[in-house]
Amino acid sequence: MARRYLTTAEIAERMRTSPSTIRYWRMTGYLPVGASFGRRVLYDEEAFDAWVREREAADATGREPQPAA
């Protein structure tokens, strides 16, 4: 099965925020690393979903989540 990649706009839609916020989060290291393909940055869907689950688990336990790798 081929990997699926998400665009900045798709990540923004999932997070209910603007694409500019997603770009800022990427620059600060808050999000998992995206891969540049020309002028486009794409995010591995599996890595993004794992990052969301980690944030949710950290929130549920009250511990501070680790920065994105």
Protein backbone atom coordinates (compact mmCIF):
# COMPACT_ATOMS: atom_id res chain seq x y z
CA MET A 1 0.00 0.00 0.00
CA ALA A 2 1.36 3.40 -0.98
CA ARG A 3 2.00 6.02 1.65
CA ARG A 4 -0.41 8.92 1.73
CA TYR A 5 0.87 12.45 2.14
CA LEU A 6 -1.13 15.45 3.35
CA THR A 7 -0.74 19.03 2.17
CA THR A 8 -0.45 22.03 4.47
CA ALA A 9 -4.08 22.87 3.66
CA GLU A 10 -5.23 19.35 4.60
CA ILE A 11 -3.34 19.49 7.89
CA ALA A 12 -4.85 22.93 8.58
CA GLU A 13 -8.34 21.57 7.92
CA ARG A 14 -7.79 18.64 10.29
CA MET A 15 -6.45 20.94 13.01
CA ARG A 16 -9.15 23.58 12.37
CA THR A 17 -6.64 26.33 11.89
CA SER A 18 -5.13 28.32 9.04
CA PRO A 19 -2.38 27.14 6.69
CA SER A 20 -0.19 30.00 7.95
CA THR A 21 -0.43 28.57 11.48
CA ILE A 22 0.63 25.16 10.15
CA ARG A 23 3.62 26.76 8.41
CA TYR A 24 4.55 28.51 11.67
CA TRP A 25 4.23 25.27 13.66
CA ARG A 26 6.47 23.53 11.10
CA MET A 27 9.12 26.29 11.39
CA THR A 28 9.12 26.10 15.20
CA GLY A 29 9.35 22.29 15.25
CA TYR A 30 5.92 21.81 16.82
CA LEU A 31 4.72 19.53 14.01
CA PRO A 32 6.35 16.37 12.70
CA VAL A 33 8.83 17.04 9.93
CA GLY A 34 7.33 17.64 6.50
CA ALA A 35 9.11 16.74 3.28
CA SER A 36 9.67 19.40 0.62
CA PHE A 37 8.81 18.48 -2.94
CA GLY A 38 9.69 21.56 -4.98
CA ARG A 39 7.75 24.40 -3.38
CA ARG A 40 5.25 22.07 -1.72
CA VAL A 41 5.62 20.60 1.77
CA LEU A 42 3.90 17.27 2.37
CA TYR A 43 3.36 15.40 5.64
CA ASP A 44 3.27 11.64 6.01
CA GLU A 45 -0.30 10.85 7.12
CA GLU A 46 0.77 8.00 9.43
CA ALA A 47 3.39 10.18 11.17
CA PHE A 48 0.88 13.00 11.57
CA ASP A 49 -1.79 10.68 12.99
CA ALA A 50 0.76 9.23 15.45
CA TRP A 51 1.71 12.78 16.50
CA VAL A 52 -1.97 13.61 17.14
CA ARG A 53 -2.43 10.42 19.22
CA GLU A 54 0.68 11.28 21.24
CA ARG A 55 -0.64 14.80 21.93
CA GLU A 56 -4.03 13.39 22.95
CA ALA A 57 -2.43 10.85 25.29
CA ALA A 58 -0.21 13.53 26.84
CA ASP A 59 -3.24 15.75 27.40
CA ALA A 60 -5.18 12.88 29.01
CA THR A 61 -2.35 12.09 31.45
CA GLY A 62 -1.41 15.70 32.13
CA ARG A 63 2.21 15.18 31.08
CA GLU A 64 4.08 17.43 28.70
CA PRO A 65 4.37 15.90 25.20
CA GLN A 66 7.78 15.51 23.63
CA PRO A 67 8.72 17.80 20.70
CA ALA A 68 8.18 16.43 17.21
CA ALA A 69 11.08 14.34 15.93
